[in-house]
Amino acid sequence: MIQPYTTFVTVTGDRDWLASRHGTDATETITLDLSHLTRGTHYAEPTASQPHGFVRSGVPVGQITASGLYGAYDPTADDGRAVLAGLVYAEAPFTPGTSKVPAALFWHGTVHTDKIPGGLDPAKIAPSPHGAQIRFLGAVDA
């Protein structure tokens, strides 16, 4: 006999990087490739006390040209991630052994640069008609 087993995961949203609600109603669904994110900086792995991992809210991402998946934004990458697509809007939970994680993409609005997980230098973002439309506020502007 098979016994159903149900669990619930609750992740508290940490969106202190978000400077306004503008754009939060128009996120897009994307799929993240965990192999292009850094453990500890961009995501937390599952542990014995926390059976699900999660990608942090606010992680800057770019689209990997070959796969169509998304990984950490890198202005020096030659695989498509040099174009900032946006930021992961909400924490995206995943189970052990997962390599692809669905997430919401925040692609336009206003953010506090100094609150972005892993950091981000807006001066290194190359303008692109295919990239994010985000206004970055520094610590002085906040």
C-alpha atoms as a PDB file:
ATOM      1  CA  MET A   1       0.000   0.000   0.000  1.00  0.00           C
ATOM      2  CA  ILE A   2       1.294   3.481  -0.867  1.00  0.00           C
ATOM      3  CA  GLN A   3       0.972   6.070   1.855  1.00  0.00           C
ATOM      4  CA  PRO A   4       0.782   9.670   0.578  1.00  0.00           C
ATOM      5  CA  TYR A   5       3.163  12.095   2.232  1.00  0.00           C
ATOM      6  CA  THR A   6       2.778  15.864   1.983  1.00  0.00           C
ATOM      7  CA  THR A   7       5.161  18.591   3.093  1.00  0.00           C
ATOM      8  CA  PHE A   8       4.948  22.333   2.966  1.00  0.00           C
ATOM      9  CA  VAL A   9       7.844  24.727   2.505  1.00  0.00           C
ATOM     10  CA  THR A  10       7.624  28.275   3.774  1.00  0.00           C
ATOM     11  CA  VAL A  11      10.326  30.715   2.771  1.00  0.00           C
ATOM     12  CA  THR A  12      10.157  34.232   4.138  1.00  0.00           C
ATOM     13  CA  GLY A  13      10.645  36.775   1.382  1.00  0.00           C
ATOM     14  CA  ASP A  14      13.655  39.038   1.790  1.00  0.00           C
ATOM     15  CA  ARG A  15      13.183  41.747  -0.788  1.00  0.00           C
ATOM     16  CA  ASP A  16      14.996  44.649   0.865  1.00  0.00           C
ATOM     17  CA  TRP A  17      16.685  45.153  -2.535  1.00  0.00           C
ATOM     18  CA  LEU A  18      13.336  46.264  -3.951  1.00  0.00           C
ATOM     19  CA  ALA A  19      13.002  50.072  -3.910  1.00  0.00           C
ATOM     20  CA  SER A  20       9.395  50.296  -5.134  1.00  0.00           C
ATOM     21  CA  ARG A  21       6.498  48.061  -6.116  1.00  0.00           C
ATOM     22  CA  HIS A  22       6.690  49.210  -9.728  1.00  0.00           C
ATOM     23  CA  GLY A  23       7.202  46.190 -11.977  1.00  0.00           C
ATOM     24  CA  THR A  24       6.295  43.603  -9.361  1.00  0.00           C
ATOM     25  CA  ASP A  25       3.007  42.896 -11.113  1.00  0.00           C
ATOM     26  CA  ALA A  26       4.698  42.070 -14.426  1.00  0.00           C
ATOM     27  CA  THR A  27       7.285  39.408 -13.643  1.00  0.00           C
ATOM     28  CA  GLU A  28       8.072  36.677 -16.172  1.00  0.00           C
ATOM     29  CA  THR A  29       8.499  32.959 -15.537  1.00  0.00           C
ATOM     30  CA  ILE A  30      12.036  31.668 -16.132  1.00  0.00           C
ATOM     31  CA  THR A  31      14.041  28.527 -15.402  1.00  0.00           C
ATOM     32  CA  LEU A  32      17.327  28.843 -13.518  1.00  0.00           C
ATOM     33  CA  ASP A  33      20.305  26.544 -14.126  1.00  0.00           C
ATOM     34  CA  LEU A  34      21.849  25.914 -10.684  1.00  0.00           C
ATOM     35  CA  SER A  35      25.210  25.036 -12.264  1.00  0.00           C
ATOM     36  CA  HIS A  36      25.500  28.708 -13.283  1.00  0.00           C
ATOM     37  CA  LEU A  37      24.818  30.024  -9.759  1.00  0.00           C
ATOM     38  CA  THR A  38      27.142  30.109  -6.740  1.00  0.00           C
ATOM     39  CA  ARG A  39      26.211  28.110  -3.638  1.00  0.00           C
ATOM     40  CA  GLY A  40      26.130  30.308  -0.537  1.00  0.00           C
ATOM     41  CA  THR A  41      25.982  33.544  -2.540  1.00  0.00           C
ATOM     42  CA  HIS A  42      23.058  32.956  -4.885  1.00  0.00           C
ATOM     43  CA  TYR A  43      21.386  29.965  -3.278  1.00  0.00           C
ATOM     44  CA  ALA A  44      21.208  27.885  -0.108  1.00  0.00           C
ATOM     45  CA  GLU A  45      21.388  24.111  -0.404  1.00  0.00           C
ATOM     46  CA  PRO A  46      19.066  21.706   1.401  1.00  0.00           C
ATOM     47  CA  THR A  47      20.261  20.556   4.822  1.00  0.00           C
ATOM     48  CA  ALA A  48      19.092  18.049   7.417  1.00  0.00           C
ATOM     49  CA  SER A  49      17.106  20.766   9.192  1.00  0.00           C
ATOM     50  CA  GLN A  50      15.941  22.479   5.957  1.00  0.00           C
ATOM     51  CA  PRO A  51      14.992  19.769   3.412  1.00  0.00           C
ATOM     52  CA  HIS A  52      14.556  22.250   0.570  1.00  0.00           C
ATOM     53  CA  GLY A  53      17.104  24.660  -0.849  1.00  0.00           C
ATOM     54  CA  PHE A  54      16.237  28.027  -2.338  1.00  0.00           C
ATOM     55  CA  VAL A  55      17.610  30.578  -4.777  1.00  0.00           C
ATOM     56  CA  ARG A  56      17.741  33.970  -3.077  1.00  0.00           C
ATOM     57  CA  SER A  57      15.480  36.808  -4.087  1.00  0.00           C
ATOM     58  CA  GLY A  58      17.336  39.621  -5.868  1.00  0.00           C
ATOM     59  CA  VAL A  59      19.983  37.503  -7.629  1.00  0.00           C
ATOM     60  CA  PRO A  60      20.908  39.191 -10.948  1.00  0.00           C
ATOM     61  CA  VAL A  61      20.570  36.799 -13.898  1.00  0.00           C
ATOM     62  CA  GLY A  62      21.220  36.604 -17.615  1.00  0.00           C
ATOM     63  CA  GLN A  63      19.929  34.144 -20.198  1.00  0.00           C
ATOM     64  CA  ILE A  64      22.251  31.391 -21.412  1.00  0.00           C
ATOM     65  CA  THR A  65      22.013  31.500 -25.203  1.00  0.00           C
ATOM     66  CA  ALA A  66      22.572  27.781 -25.885  1.00  0.00           C
ATOM     67  CA  SER A  67      19.988  26.433 -23.400  1.00  0.00           C
ATOM     68  CA  GLY A  68      17.544  29.306 -22.888  1.00  0.00           C
ATOM     69  CA  LEU A  69      17.981  28.806 -19.127  1.00  0.00           C
ATOM     70  CA  TYR A  70      19.159  31.550 -16.761  1.00  0.00           C
ATOM     71  CA  GLY A  71      22.298  31.801 -14.668  1.00  0.00           C
ATOM     72  CA  ALA A  72      24.100  34.418 -12.603  1.00  0.00           C
ATOM     73  CA  TYR A  73      24.661  37.642 -14.514  1.00  0.00           C
ATOM     74  CA  ASP A  74      28.328  38.013 -15.473  1.00  0.00           C
ATOM     75  CA  PRO A  75      29.430  41.043 -17.539  1.00  0.00           C
ATOM     76  CA  THR A  76      32.447  39.035 -18.794  1.00  0.00           C
ATOM     77  CA  ALA A  77      30.532  35.885 -19.812  1.00  0.00           C
ATOM     78  CA  ASP A  78      30.439  34.855 -23.465  1.00  0.00           C
ATOM     79  CA  ASP A  79      27.409  32.562 -23.156  1.00  0.00           C
ATOM     80  CA  GLY A  80      24.666  35.230 -23.074  1.00  0.00           C
ATOM     81  CA  ARG A  81      24.803  36.019 -19.353  1.00  0.00           C
ATOM     82  CA  ALA A  82      26.630  39.308 -20.065  1.00  0.00           C
ATOM     83  CA  VAL A  83      23.203  40.843 -20.763  1.00  0.00           C
ATOM     84  CA  LEU A  84      21.360  41.524 -17.516  1.00  0.00           C
ATOM     85  CA  ALA A  85      17.883  39.996 -17.927  1.00  0.00           C
ATOM     86  CA  GLY A  86      16.721  41.045 -14.467  1.00  0.00           C
ATOM     87  CA  LEU A  87      16.637  39.848 -10.866  1.00  0.00           C
ATOM     88  CA  VAL A  88      15.062  36.770  -9.301  1.00  0.00           C
ATOM     89  CA  TYR A  89      11.928  38.282  -7.790  1.00  0.00           C
ATOM     90  CA  ALA A  90      10.980  35.767  -5.101  1.00  0.00           C
ATOM     91  CA  GLU A  91      12.890  33.032  -3.319  1.00  0.00           C
ATOM     92  CA  ALA A  92      12.692  29.937  -5.509  1.00  0.00           C
ATOM     93  CA  PRO A  93      12.649  26.670  -3.506  1.00  0.00           C
ATOM     94  CA  PHE A  94      14.059  23.416  -4.868  1.00  0.00           C
ATOM     95  CA  THR A  95      14.520  19.837  -3.696  1.00  0.00           C
ATOM     96  CA  PRO A  96      17.802  17.910  -3.374  1.00  0.00           C
ATOM     97  CA  GLY A  97      19.196  16.746  -6.715  1.00  0.00           C
ATOM     98  CA  THR A  98      17.471  19.504  -8.666  1.00  0.00           C
ATOM     99  CA  SER A  99      19.460  21.261 -11.382  1.00  0.00           C
ATOM    100  CA  LYS A 100      16.725  23.446 -12.901  1.00  0.00           C
ATOM    101  CA  VAL A 101      14.565  25.741 -10.788  1.00  0.00           C
ATOM    102  CA  PRO A 102      11.479  27.720 -11.897  1.00  0.00           C
ATOM    103  CA  ALA A 103      11.525  31.353 -10.789  1.00  0.00           C
ATOM    104  CA  ALA A 104       9.971  34.762 -11.383  1.00  0.00           C
ATOM    105  CA  LEU A 105      12.043  37.389 -13.226  1.00  0.00           C
ATOM    106  CA  PHE A 106      11.825  41.034 -12.103  1.00  0.00           C
ATOM    107  CA  TRP A 107      12.870  42.832 -15.288  1.00  0.00           C
ATOM    108  CA  HIS A 108      11.802  46.440 -14.766  1.00  0.00           C
ATOM    109  CA  GLY A 109      11.512  48.721 -11.775  1.00  0.00           C
ATOM    110  CA  THR A 110      13.775  50.299  -9.152  1.00  0.00           C
ATOM    111  CA  VAL A 111      16.186  48.501  -6.824  1.00  0.00           C
ATOM    112  CA  HIS A 112      18.735  49.270  -4.086  1.00  0.00           C
ATOM    113  CA  THR A 113      22.060  48.198  -5.580  1.00  0.00           C
ATOM    114  CA  ASP A 114      23.781  47.657  -2.227  1.00  0.00           C
ATOM    115  CA  LYS A 115      21.146  45.069  -1.197  1.00  0.00           C
ATOM    116  CA  ILE A 116      21.554  42.734  -4.203  1.00  0.00           C
ATOM    117  CA  PRO A 117      22.838  39.246  -3.224  1.00  0.00           C
ATOM    118  CA  GLY A 118      26.388  38.796  -4.501  1.00  0.00           C
ATOM    119  CA  GLY A 119      26.613  42.486  -5.389  1.00  0.00           C
ATOM    120  CA  LEU A 120      26.239  44.265  -8.702  1.00  0.00           C
ATOM    121  CA  ASP A 121      28.097  47.146 -10.330  1.00  0.00           C
ATOM    122  CA  PRO A 122      25.602  49.045 -12.528  1.00  0.00           C
ATOM    123  CA  ALA A 123      28.522  50.738 -14.321  1.00  0.00           C
ATOM    124  CA  LYS A 124      29.418  47.350 -15.851  1.00  0.00           C
ATOM    125  CA  ILE A 125      25.952  46.719 -17.275  1.00  0.00           C
ATOM    126  CA  ALA A 126      26.016  47.117 -21.052  1.00  0.00           C
ATOM    127  CA  PRO A 127      22.809  48.668 -22.411  1.00  0.00           C
ATOM    128  CA  SER A 128      20.797  46.193 -24.462  1.00  0.00           C
ATOM    129  CA  PRO A 129      17.326  46.312 -26.016  1.00  0.00           C
ATOM    130  CA  HIS A 130      16.963  42.712 -24.793  1.00  0.00           C
ATOM    131  CA  GLY A 131      18.086  43.478 -21.235  1.00  0.00           C
ATOM    132  CA  ALA A 132      16.398  44.582 -18.051  1.00  0.00           C
ATOM    133  CA  GLN A 133      14.928  48.035 -17.624  1.00  0.00           C
ATOM    134  CA  ILE A 134      15.959  48.658 -14.050  1.00  0.00           C
ATOM    135  CA  ARG A 135      16.904  51.870 -12.255  1.00  0.00           C
ATOM    136  CA  PHE A 136      19.623  51.246  -9.695  1.00  0.00           C
ATOM    137  CA  LEU A 137      19.799  53.322  -6.513  1.00  0.00           C
ATOM    138  CA  GLY A 138      23.057  53.379  -4.551  1.00  0.00           C
ATOM    139  CA  ALA A 139      23.375  53.623  -0.784  1.00  0.00           C
ATOM    140  CA  VAL A 140      23.489  57.427  -1.064  1.00  0.00           C
ATOM    141  CA  ASP A 141      20.233  57.486  -3.073  1.00  0.00           C
ATOM    142  CA  ALA A 142      18.409  55.211  -0.661  1.00  0.00           C
END
